[in-house]
């Protein structure tokens, strides 16, 4: 079985359990956290994938690490570790996050800002993009002072550029005649 199919099968299994339990939103929130945990904690993933460490020790560590996580997800992590696929945990939860978003019609993206903006302004930006994308939008904020002002939103293949630096570039091109 190729890796993509493997990630997909695990992700679909998690989604099916969440639907069956009627806890899709709750699972999604925890999956987003687990995705980051396994993506950024290489030593922990290496520990879980080490063939020289007894499974019982790995299970105890998993239980200790994820006391506040849904029991079904903890069991799921243990199954992946037992099947000697711990190194894929980050990718499996990334795919699960994608599947949950697709099921809930949610698009994730990034908003690049020169500086912090108020909630009302952020709400207006999100609402306008949701109308355009015809989906619920969740944006991760990234600060980039080189924008000077305004914002850039990136979702899937779409980029909404309302940055001051972009407007200045367009003005420069108009004034200099395309140079």
Foldseek 3Di string as FASTA:
>chain_A
DDPVVVLLVLLVVLCVVCVVVVNLVLLLVVLVVQLVVLVPCPVLLVVLLDPVDDLVVNLVVLCVVPVPHPPVVSVSQSVCSVVSNSNCRNVSSVSNNVVSCVVQQEWEKEKEFQDDDDPVVVVVVQVVVCVVVVGRYDYDYDYDNVLVGDMWIDTDPDIDDPTPVVVVVVVVCVVVVND
